[in-house]
């Protein structure tokens, strides 16, 4: 069986769309689990009433964040938007079935998909990450070896990607002892090199064997740093480099997301433009 896990924070107007798209387009799953980090209770109650079969679990900071949002004092309370409930995510995935889809509230399904059929193929051919969406970005396809695996899945293998042990990948991703700077000086890497490691990861639209997902997130303790996940993904790929089917994707995208909104203003510098994103989300949530 497959669990669908949705990370959520104060955008029930998006969560509603995400859940509706699952009901409309997705089959072959066991449970839908919403992991919420502060959406005010009145919205969650409405979501639960509309989708009675879902499970909603809240984070350790839920009460503090939701009250702050309800009182319109999120910024004044100086709550750290970068503090995220990775412990809740990690433990939920750990307790889930062998395969898991982890997504977020601002993602939705755009086409029909049977997750059970995908997992049967993934298990048969030892695929540990099947990407269901990639933001319409095919610009890196020239750097990939693509091969049809089944009617619905193709494997993707990087043509040239440095992977190594945890020790060296830590030096590489975080420029320990100027390791990355040295490679840059030698013209072995450039400013786009680290972006290429996203081929090994899918934060929003990946159907995973849970061992892969748990390995990627094992060092993240309530902090969002995507370089940690990319480092761990590279290490996992290196450990399993004999498996040419490790990563695959559907023949066409079945998931989309948007960048027209955000859950928190802490991730962005609007350079002198005053925008209260919490107020924006309040208006959208009320509507």
C-alpha atoms as a PDB file:
ATOM      1  CA  UNK A   1       0.000   0.000   0.000  1.00  0.00           C
ATOM      2  CA  UNK A   2       1.030   3.603  -0.584  1.00  0.00           C
ATOM      3  CA  UNK A   3       0.501   6.619   1.667  1.00  0.00           C
ATOM      4  CA  UNK A   4       0.166  10.153   0.287  1.00  0.00           C
ATOM      5  CA  UNK A   5       1.689  12.639   2.721  1.00  0.00           C
ATOM      6  CA  UNK A   6       0.945  16.353   2.302  1.00  0.00           C
ATOM      7  CA  UNK A   7       2.994  18.980   4.144  1.00  0.00           C
ATOM      8  CA  UNK A   8       0.787  21.973   4.928  1.00  0.00           C
ATOM      9  CA  UNK A   9       1.084  25.447   6.421  1.00  0.00           C
ATOM     10  CA  UNK A  10      -1.558  28.198   6.417  1.00  0.00           C
ATOM     11  CA  UNK A  11      -2.766  27.827   2.842  1.00  0.00           C
ATOM     12  CA  UNK A  12      -5.956  25.761   3.089  1.00  0.00           C
ATOM     13  CA  UNK A  13      -7.121  27.354  -0.167  1.00  0.00           C
ATOM     14  CA  UNK A  14      -4.258  25.417  -1.804  1.00  0.00           C
ATOM     15  CA  UNK A  15      -4.690  22.328   0.375  1.00  0.00           C
ATOM     16  CA  UNK A  16      -8.307  22.123  -0.799  1.00  0.00           C
ATOM     17  CA  UNK A  17      -7.166  22.123  -4.437  1.00  0.00           C
ATOM     18  CA  UNK A  18      -4.479  19.520  -3.735  1.00  0.00           C
ATOM     19  CA  UNK A  19      -6.923  17.165  -2.027  1.00  0.00           C
ATOM     20  CA  UNK A  20      -9.603  17.678  -4.688  1.00  0.00           C
ATOM     21  CA  UNK A  21      -7.096  16.803  -7.410  1.00  0.00           C
ATOM     22  CA  UNK A  22      -6.167  13.575  -5.610  1.00  0.00           C
ATOM     23  CA  UNK A  23      -9.797  12.528  -5.311  1.00  0.00           C
ATOM     24  CA  UNK A  24     -10.349  13.321  -8.979  1.00  0.00           C
ATOM     25  CA  UNK A  25      -7.183  11.849 -10.494  1.00  0.00           C
ATOM     26  CA  UNK A  26      -5.381   9.411  -8.194  1.00  0.00           C
ATOM     27  CA  UNK A  27      -6.083   5.758  -7.460  1.00  0.00           C
ATOM     28  CA  UNK A  28      -4.145   2.917  -5.859  1.00  0.00           C
ATOM     29  CA  UNK A  29      -3.262   4.512  -2.509  1.00  0.00           C
ATOM     30  CA  UNK A  30      -4.085   3.645   1.086  1.00  0.00           C
ATOM     31  CA  UNK A  31      -4.191   6.848   3.144  1.00  0.00           C
ATOM     32  CA  UNK A  32      -3.920  10.607   2.731  1.00  0.00           C
ATOM     33  CA  UNK A  33      -2.071  12.146   5.671  1.00  0.00           C
ATOM     34  CA  UNK A  34      -1.888  15.923   6.102  1.00  0.00           C
ATOM     35  CA  UNK A  35       0.992  17.158   8.266  1.00  0.00           C
ATOM     36  CA  UNK A  36       0.129  20.693   9.317  1.00  0.00           C
ATOM     37  CA  UNK A  37       2.403  23.254  10.945  1.00  0.00           C
ATOM     38  CA  UNK A  38       0.015  26.061  11.905  1.00  0.00           C
ATOM     39  CA  UNK A  39      -3.113  26.405   9.748  1.00  0.00           C
ATOM     40  CA  UNK A  40      -5.834  27.819  12.049  1.00  0.00           C
ATOM     41  CA  UNK A  41      -8.172  25.137  13.327  1.00  0.00           C
ATOM     42  CA  UNK A  42     -11.338  26.519  11.719  1.00  0.00           C
ATOM     43  CA  UNK A  43      -9.872  25.925   8.256  1.00  0.00           C
ATOM     44  CA  UNK A  44      -8.668  22.424   9.105  1.00  0.00           C
ATOM     45  CA  UNK A  45     -12.130  21.563  10.427  1.00  0.00           C
ATOM     46  CA  UNK A  46     -13.645  22.679   7.134  1.00  0.00           C
ATOM     47  CA  UNK A  47     -11.070  20.624   5.207  1.00  0.00           C
ATOM     48  CA  UNK A  48     -11.800  17.578   7.372  1.00  0.00           C
ATOM     49  CA  UNK A  49     -15.533  18.020   6.868  1.00  0.00           C
ATOM     50  CA  UNK A  50     -15.081  18.143   3.088  1.00  0.00           C
ATOM     51  CA  UNK A  51     -12.594  15.243   3.009  1.00  0.00           C
ATOM     52  CA  UNK A  52     -13.625  13.024   5.966  1.00  0.00           C
ATOM     53  CA  UNK A  53     -11.328  10.132   5.053  1.00  0.00           C
ATOM     54  CA  UNK A  54      -8.074  12.075   5.412  1.00  0.00           C
ATOM     55  CA  UNK A  55      -5.873  12.028   8.501  1.00  0.00           C
ATOM     56  CA  UNK A  56      -4.574  15.346   9.878  1.00  0.00           C
ATOM     57  CA  UNK A  57      -1.579  15.421  12.216  1.00  0.00           C
ATOM     58  CA  UNK A  58      -0.114  18.620  13.636  1.00  0.00           C
ATOM     59  CA  UNK A  59       3.405  19.655  14.579  1.00  0.00           C
ATOM     60  CA  UNK A  60       4.842  20.412  17.999  1.00  0.00           C
ATOM     61  CA  UNK A  61       4.729  24.139  17.167  1.00  0.00           C
ATOM     62  CA  UNK A  62       1.187  23.991  15.783  1.00  0.00           C
ATOM     63  CA  UNK A  63      -0.595  25.745  18.661  1.00  0.00           C
ATOM     64  CA  UNK A  64       1.965  28.544  18.876  1.00  0.00           C
ATOM     65  CA  UNK A  65       1.971  29.190  15.120  1.00  0.00           C
ATOM     66  CA  UNK A  66      -1.786  28.887  14.580  1.00  0.00           C
ATOM     67  CA  UNK A  67      -2.571  31.297  17.429  1.00  0.00           C
ATOM     68  CA  UNK A  68      -0.048  33.760  16.065  1.00  0.00           C
ATOM     69  CA  UNK A  69      -1.632  33.523  12.602  1.00  0.00           C
ATOM     70  CA  UNK A  70      -5.149  33.909  14.014  1.00  0.00           C
ATOM     71  CA  UNK A  71      -4.055  37.016  15.940  1.00  0.00           C
ATOM     72  CA  UNK A  72      -2.258  38.442  12.873  1.00  0.00           C
ATOM     73  CA  UNK A  73       0.940  38.681  14.919  1.00  0.00           C
ATOM     74  CA  UNK A  74       3.098  36.093  13.138  1.00  0.00           C
ATOM     75  CA  UNK A  75       5.770  38.642  12.181  1.00  0.00           C
ATOM     76  CA  UNK A  76       5.592  40.542  15.475  1.00  0.00           C
ATOM     77  CA  UNK A  77       5.954  37.295  17.415  1.00  0.00           C
ATOM     78  CA  UNK A  78       9.137  36.747  15.428  1.00  0.00           C
ATOM     79  CA  UNK A  79       8.349  33.113  14.826  1.00  0.00           C
ATOM     80  CA  UNK A  80      11.059  31.581  12.712  1.00  0.00           C
ATOM     81  CA  UNK A  81       9.562  30.508   9.397  1.00  0.00           C
ATOM     82  CA  UNK A  82      12.685  28.487   8.721  1.00  0.00           C
ATOM     83  CA  UNK A  83      11.930  26.244  11.695  1.00  0.00           C
ATOM     84  CA  UNK A  84       9.998  23.413  10.102  1.00  0.00           C
ATOM     85  CA  UNK A  85       8.634  20.151  11.542  1.00  0.00           C
ATOM     86  CA  UNK A  86      11.078  17.751   9.909  1.00  0.00           C
ATOM     87  CA  UNK A  87      10.721  15.441  12.913  1.00  0.00           C
ATOM     88  CA  UNK A  88       7.004  15.066  12.151  1.00  0.00           C
ATOM     89  CA  UNK A  89       7.723  14.465   8.454  1.00  0.00           C
ATOM     90  CA  UNK A  90      10.523  11.995   9.155  1.00  0.00           C
ATOM     91  CA  UNK A  91       8.620   9.940  11.707  1.00  0.00           C
ATOM     92  CA  UNK A  92       5.500   9.822   9.534  1.00  0.00           C
ATOM     93  CA  UNK A  93       7.463   8.525   6.547  1.00  0.00           C
ATOM     94  CA  UNK A  94       9.310   6.078   8.797  1.00  0.00           C
ATOM     95  CA  UNK A  95       5.986   4.667  10.028  1.00  0.00           C
ATOM     96  CA  UNK A  96       4.461   4.536   6.546  1.00  0.00           C
ATOM     97  CA  UNK A  97       4.383   1.715   4.041  1.00  0.00           C
ATOM     98  CA  UNK A  98       7.364   0.807   1.871  1.00  0.00           C
ATOM     99  CA  UNK A  99       6.528   3.372  -0.820  1.00  0.00           C
ATOM    100  CA  UNK A 100       5.387   6.895  -0.089  1.00  0.00           C
ATOM    101  CA  UNK A 101       4.455  10.032  -1.995  1.00  0.00           C
ATOM    102  CA  UNK A 102       5.496  13.172  -0.104  1.00  0.00           C
ATOM    103  CA  UNK A 103       4.126  16.431  -1.486  1.00  0.00           C
ATOM    104  CA  UNK A 104       2.983  19.879  -0.328  1.00  0.00           C
ATOM    105  CA  UNK A 105      -0.248  21.844  -0.225  1.00  0.00           C
ATOM    106  CA  UNK A 106       0.580  24.010  -3.267  1.00  0.00           C
ATOM    107  CA  UNK A 107       0.963  20.981  -5.556  1.00  0.00           C
ATOM    108  CA  UNK A 108      -1.846  19.308  -7.454  1.00  0.00           C
ATOM    109  CA  UNK A 109      -2.464  16.409  -9.840  1.00  0.00           C
ATOM    110  CA  UNK A 110      -3.321  17.277 -13.425  1.00  0.00           C
ATOM    111  CA  UNK A 111      -3.894  13.824 -14.924  1.00  0.00           C
ATOM    112  CA  UNK A 112      -5.024  10.337 -13.996  1.00  0.00           C
ATOM    113  CA  UNK A 113      -2.466   8.113 -12.261  1.00  0.00           C
ATOM    114  CA  UNK A 114      -2.619   4.704 -10.577  1.00  0.00           C
ATOM    115  CA  UNK A 115       0.041   4.709  -7.846  1.00  0.00           C
ATOM    116  CA  UNK A 116      -0.325   0.979  -7.184  1.00  0.00           C
ATOM    117  CA  UNK A 117       0.580   0.151 -10.791  1.00  0.00           C
ATOM    118  CA  UNK A 118       3.599   2.467 -10.572  1.00  0.00           C
ATOM    119  CA  UNK A 119       4.786   0.828  -7.359  1.00  0.00           C
ATOM    120  CA  UNK A 120       4.466  -2.651  -8.882  1.00  0.00           C
ATOM    121  CA  UNK A 121       6.849  -1.549 -11.658  1.00  0.00           C
ATOM    122  CA  UNK A 122       9.133   0.278  -9.232  1.00  0.00           C
ATOM    123  CA  UNK A 123       9.447  -2.827  -7.080  1.00  0.00           C
ATOM    124  CA  UNK A 124      10.001  -5.101 -10.076  1.00  0.00           C
ATOM    125  CA  UNK A 125      12.773  -2.960 -11.569  1.00  0.00           C
ATOM    126  CA  UNK A 126      14.245  -1.564  -8.318  1.00  0.00           C
ATOM    127  CA  UNK A 127      13.267   2.077  -8.955  1.00  0.00           C
ATOM    128  CA  UNK A 128      13.563   4.015  -5.689  1.00  0.00           C
ATOM    129  CA  UNK A 129      12.432   7.431  -6.904  1.00  0.00           C
ATOM    130  CA  UNK A 130       9.843   7.981  -9.611  1.00  0.00           C
ATOM    131  CA  UNK A 131       9.282  11.636 -10.430  1.00  0.00           C
ATOM    132  CA  UNK A 132       5.679  12.533 -11.244  1.00  0.00           C
ATOM    133  CA  UNK A 133       6.463  16.137 -12.170  1.00  0.00           C
ATOM    134  CA  UNK A 134       9.517  18.297 -12.936  1.00  0.00           C
ATOM    135  CA  UNK A 135       8.150  21.829 -13.333  1.00  0.00           C
ATOM    136  CA  UNK A 136       8.017  21.494 -17.118  1.00  0.00           C
ATOM    137  CA  UNK A 137      11.796  21.841 -17.158  1.00  0.00           C
ATOM    138  CA  UNK A 138      13.389  19.607 -19.787  1.00  0.00           C
ATOM    139  CA  UNK A 139      16.485  21.783 -20.199  1.00  0.00           C
ATOM    140  CA  UNK A 140      18.713  19.176 -18.523  1.00  0.00           C
ATOM    141  CA  UNK A 141      17.525  16.252 -20.644  1.00  0.00           C
ATOM    142  CA  UNK A 142      20.616  16.517 -22.815  1.00  0.00           C
ATOM    143  CA  UNK A 143      22.665  15.614 -19.718  1.00  0.00           C
ATOM    144  CA  UNK A 144      20.607  12.496 -19.051  1.00  0.00           C
ATOM    145  CA  UNK A 145      20.540   8.972 -20.405  1.00  0.00           C
ATOM    146  CA  UNK A 146      16.835   8.198 -20.774  1.00  0.00           C
ATOM    147  CA  UNK A 147      15.525   4.723 -21.390  1.00  0.00           C
ATOM    148  CA  UNK A 148      12.010   3.330 -21.509  1.00  0.00           C
ATOM    149  CA  UNK A 149      11.417   0.940 -18.635  1.00  0.00           C
ATOM    150  CA  UNK A 150       7.667   0.304 -18.810  1.00  0.00           C
ATOM    151  CA  UNK A 151       4.697   1.764 -20.605  1.00  0.00           C
ATOM    152  CA  UNK A 152       4.516   4.537 -17.997  1.00  0.00           C
ATOM    153  CA  UNK A 153       8.077   4.930 -16.651  1.00  0.00           C
ATOM    154  CA  UNK A 154      11.442   5.850 -18.128  1.00  0.00           C
ATOM    155  CA  UNK A 155      14.730   5.690 -16.245  1.00  0.00           C
ATOM    156  CA  UNK A 156      16.986   8.736 -16.064  1.00  0.00           C
ATOM    157  CA  UNK A 157      20.729   8.455 -15.446  1.00  0.00           C
ATOM    158  CA  UNK A 158      23.053  11.494 -15.259  1.00  0.00           C
ATOM    159  CA  UNK A 159      25.719  11.376 -17.968  1.00  0.00           C
ATOM    160  CA  UNK A 160      28.294  13.061 -15.752  1.00  0.00           C
ATOM    161  CA  UNK A 161      27.749  13.790 -12.082  1.00  0.00           C
ATOM    162  CA  UNK A 162      30.301  13.711  -9.288  1.00  0.00           C
ATOM    163  CA  UNK A 163      29.119  11.555  -6.380  1.00  0.00           C
ATOM    164  CA  UNK A 164      31.150  10.177  -3.504  1.00  0.00           C
ATOM    165  CA  UNK A 165      31.184   9.382   0.201  1.00  0.00           C
ATOM    166  CA  UNK A 166      29.472  11.482   2.854  1.00  0.00           C
ATOM    167  CA  UNK A 167      32.835  12.997   3.756  1.00  0.00           C
ATOM    168  CA  UNK A 168      33.634  14.303   0.268  1.00  0.00           C
ATOM    169  CA  UNK A 169      30.088  15.301  -0.628  1.00  0.00           C
ATOM    170  CA  UNK A 170      29.978  17.405   2.544  1.00  0.00           C
ATOM    171  CA  UNK A 171      33.163  19.191   1.446  1.00  0.00           C
ATOM    172  CA  UNK A 172      31.705  19.628  -2.030  1.00  0.00           C
ATOM    173  CA  UNK A 173      28.239  20.948  -1.144  1.00  0.00           C
ATOM    174  CA  UNK A 174      29.301  23.192   1.741  1.00  0.00           C
ATOM    175  CA  UNK A 175      32.718  24.228   0.400  1.00  0.00           C
ATOM    176  CA  UNK A 176      34.556  22.862   3.436  1.00  0.00           C
ATOM    177  CA  UNK A 177      38.190  23.895   3.401  1.00  0.00           C
ATOM    178  CA  UNK A 178      37.452  25.732   0.110  1.00  0.00           C
ATOM    179  CA  UNK A 179      37.096  22.389  -1.688  1.00  0.00           C
ATOM    180  CA  UNK A 180      34.432  23.631  -4.117  1.00  0.00           C
ATOM    181  CA  UNK A 181      36.359  26.878  -4.619  1.00  0.00           C
ATOM    182  CA  UNK A 182      39.416  24.867  -5.624  1.00  0.00           C
ATOM    183  CA  UNK A 183      37.394  22.871  -8.143  1.00  0.00           C
ATOM    184  CA  UNK A 184      35.968  26.133  -9.454  1.00  0.00           C
ATOM    185  CA  UNK A 185      39.468  27.588  -9.818  1.00  0.00           C
ATOM    186  CA  UNK A 186      40.482  24.488 -11.769  1.00  0.00           C
ATOM    187  CA  UNK A 187      37.378  24.975 -13.970  1.00  0.00           C
ATOM    188  CA  UNK A 188      36.024  21.586 -13.000  1.00  0.00           C
ATOM    189  CA  UNK A 189      32.746  23.111 -11.732  1.00  0.00           C
ATOM    190  CA  UNK A 190      30.786  26.306 -12.296  1.00  0.00           C
ATOM    191  CA  UNK A 191      27.919  28.246 -10.755  1.00  0.00           C
ATOM    192  CA  UNK A 192      25.355  25.843 -12.227  1.00  0.00           C
ATOM    193  CA  UNK A 193      27.000  22.622 -11.074  1.00  0.00           C
ATOM    194  CA  UNK A 194      25.080  22.153  -7.827  1.00  0.00           C
ATOM    195  CA  UNK A 195      21.765  22.710  -9.607  1.00  0.00           C
ATOM    196  CA  UNK A 196      22.395  19.533 -11.616  1.00  0.00           C
ATOM    197  CA  UNK A 197      22.060  17.458  -8.414  1.00  0.00           C
ATOM    198  CA  UNK A 198      18.308  18.037  -8.408  1.00  0.00           C
ATOM    199  CA  UNK A 199      18.098  15.115 -10.817  1.00  0.00           C
ATOM    200  CA  UNK A 200      18.602  12.946  -7.706  1.00  0.00           C
ATOM    201  CA  UNK A 201      15.836  14.569  -5.661  1.00  0.00           C
ATOM    202  CA  UNK A 202      12.190  15.579  -5.824  1.00  0.00           C
ATOM    203  CA  UNK A 203      10.906  17.522  -2.837  1.00  0.00           C
ATOM    204  CA  UNK A 204       7.366  18.057  -4.141  1.00  0.00           C
ATOM    205  CA  UNK A 205       6.544  15.405  -6.724  1.00  0.00           C
ATOM    206  CA  UNK A 206       8.401  12.186  -5.961  1.00  0.00           C
ATOM    207  CA  UNK A 207       7.070   8.692  -5.344  1.00  0.00           C
ATOM    208  CA  UNK A 208       9.801   7.168  -3.173  1.00  0.00           C
ATOM    209  CA  UNK A 209      10.918   3.942  -1.678  1.00  0.00           C
ATOM    210  CA  UNK A 210      10.954   5.277   1.852  1.00  0.00           C
ATOM    211  CA  UNK A 211      14.572   4.196   2.485  1.00  0.00           C
ATOM    212  CA  UNK A 212      15.729   6.739  -0.113  1.00  0.00           C
ATOM    213  CA  UNK A 213      13.596   9.557   1.314  1.00  0.00           C
ATOM    214  CA  UNK A 214      14.651   8.832   4.900  1.00  0.00           C
ATOM    215  CA  UNK A 215      18.328   8.802   3.909  1.00  0.00           C
ATOM    216  CA  UNK A 216      18.002  12.211   2.257  1.00  0.00           C
ATOM    217  CA  UNK A 217      16.340  13.797   5.279  1.00  0.00           C
ATOM    218  CA  UNK A 218      18.262  12.054   8.069  1.00  0.00           C
ATOM    219  CA  UNK A 219      20.464  15.068   8.890  1.00  0.00           C
ATOM    220  CA  UNK A 220      17.751  17.732   8.745  1.00  0.00           C
ATOM    221  CA  UNK A 221      16.630  18.677  12.237  1.00  0.00           C
ATOM    222  CA  UNK A 222      13.824  21.253  12.046  1.00  0.00           C
ATOM    223  CA  UNK A 223      15.777  23.377   9.553  1.00  0.00           C
ATOM    224  CA  UNK A 224      15.286  23.803   5.821  1.00  0.00           C
ATOM    225  CA  UNK A 225      18.581  23.494   3.952  1.00  0.00           C
ATOM    226  CA  UNK A 226      18.162  21.878   0.553  1.00  0.00           C
ATOM    227  CA  UNK A 227      21.927  21.363   0.209  1.00  0.00           C
ATOM    228  CA  UNK A 228      21.689  18.757   2.966  1.00  0.00           C
ATOM    229  CA  UNK A 229      19.157  16.759   0.956  1.00  0.00           C
ATOM    230  CA  UNK A 230      21.221  17.118  -2.232  1.00  0.00           C
ATOM    231  CA  UNK A 231      24.357  15.970  -0.414  1.00  0.00           C
ATOM    232  CA  UNK A 232      22.604  12.922   1.001  1.00  0.00           C
ATOM    233  CA  UNK A 233      20.953  12.126  -2.331  1.00  0.00           C
ATOM    234  CA  UNK A 234      24.382  12.143  -3.988  1.00  0.00           C
ATOM    235  CA  UNK A 235      25.761   9.820  -1.304  1.00  0.00           C
ATOM    236  CA  UNK A 236      22.787   7.454  -1.675  1.00  0.00           C
ATOM    237  CA  UNK A 237      23.179   7.464  -5.457  1.00  0.00           C
ATOM    238  CA  UNK A 238      26.898   6.702  -5.055  1.00  0.00           C
ATOM    239  CA  UNK A 239      26.151   3.765  -2.742  1.00  0.00           C
ATOM    240  CA  UNK A 240      23.684   2.402  -5.304  1.00  0.00           C
ATOM    241  CA  UNK A 241      25.446   3.414  -8.522  1.00  0.00           C
ATOM    242  CA  UNK A 242      25.273  -0.124  -9.927  1.00  0.00           C
ATOM    243  CA  UNK A 243      21.491   0.233 -10.040  1.00  0.00           C
ATOM    244  CA  UNK A 244      20.809   2.021 -13.342  1.00  0.00           C
ATOM    245  CA  UNK A 245      17.088   2.039 -12.557  1.00  0.00           C
ATOM    246  CA  UNK A 246      17.420   3.914  -9.260  1.00  0.00           C
ATOM    247  CA  UNK A 247      15.677   7.044 -10.560  1.00  0.00           C
ATOM    248  CA  UNK A 248      12.852   7.231 -13.047  1.00  0.00           C
ATOM    249  CA  UNK A 249      10.012   9.463 -14.083  1.00  0.00           C
ATOM    250  CA  UNK A 250       6.610   9.117 -15.660  1.00  0.00           C
ATOM    251  CA  UNK A 251       6.451   9.517 -19.440  1.00  0.00           C
ATOM    252  CA  UNK A 252       4.536  12.759 -18.933  1.00  0.00           C
ATOM    253  CA  UNK A 253       4.032  15.023 -15.940  1.00  0.00           C
ATOM    254  CA  UNK A 254       0.989  14.373 -13.770  1.00  0.00           C
ATOM    255  CA  UNK A 255       1.749  16.949 -11.042  1.00  0.00           C
ATOM    256  CA  UNK A 256       2.158  20.730 -11.116  1.00  0.00           C
ATOM    257  CA  UNK A 257       2.907  23.505  -8.648  1.00  0.00           C
ATOM    258  CA  UNK A 258       2.805  27.287  -8.562  1.00  0.00           C
ATOM    259  CA  UNK A 259       5.207  30.063  -7.599  1.00  0.00           C
ATOM    260  CA  UNK A 260       2.545  32.784  -7.452  1.00  0.00           C
ATOM    261  CA  UNK A 261       2.235  32.596  -3.682  1.00  0.00           C
ATOM    262  CA  UNK A 262       4.241  31.707  -0.618  1.00  0.00           C
ATOM    263  CA  UNK A 263       3.430  30.459   2.869  1.00  0.00           C
ATOM    264  CA  UNK A 264       5.816  32.827   4.618  1.00  0.00           C
ATOM    265  CA  UNK A 265       7.638  36.057   3.861  1.00  0.00           C
ATOM    266  CA  UNK A 266      10.844  34.961   5.589  1.00  0.00           C
ATOM    267  CA  UNK A 267      12.089  33.240   2.432  1.00  0.00           C
ATOM    268  CA  UNK A 268      11.984  36.380   0.300  1.00  0.00           C
ATOM    269  CA  UNK A 269      13.451  39.877   0.251  1.00  0.00           C
ATOM    270  CA  UNK A 270      11.024  42.209  -1.487  1.00  0.00           C
ATOM    271  CA  UNK A 271      13.649  44.988  -1.559  1.00  0.00           C
ATOM    272  CA  UNK A 272      11.722  47.822   0.009  1.00  0.00           C
ATOM    273  CA  UNK A 273       8.244  46.689  -1.032  1.00  0.00           C
ATOM    274  CA  UNK A 274       6.058  46.146   2.016  1.00  0.00           C
ATOM    275  CA  UNK A 275       4.007  43.013   1.466  1.00  0.00           C
ATOM    276  CA  UNK A 276       2.307  41.278   4.370  1.00  0.00           C
ATOM    277  CA  UNK A 277       2.066  37.774   2.916  1.00  0.00           C
ATOM    278  CA  UNK A 278       0.271  36.565   6.039  1.00  0.00           C
ATOM    279  CA  UNK A 279      -2.476  39.110   5.338  1.00  0.00           C
ATOM    280  CA  UNK A 280      -2.603  37.980   1.702  1.00  0.00           C
ATOM    281  CA  UNK A 281      -3.030  34.361   2.756  1.00  0.00           C
ATOM    282  CA  UNK A 282      -5.668  35.346   5.326  1.00  0.00           C
ATOM    283  CA  UNK A 283      -7.743  37.004   2.596  1.00  0.00           C
ATOM    284  CA  UNK A 284      -7.393  33.976   0.311  1.00  0.00           C
ATOM    285  CA  UNK A 285      -8.189  31.563   3.140  1.00  0.00           C
ATOM    286  CA  UNK A 286     -11.306  33.489   4.120  1.00  0.00           C
ATOM    287  CA  UNK A 287     -12.456  33.589   0.497  1.00  0.00           C
END
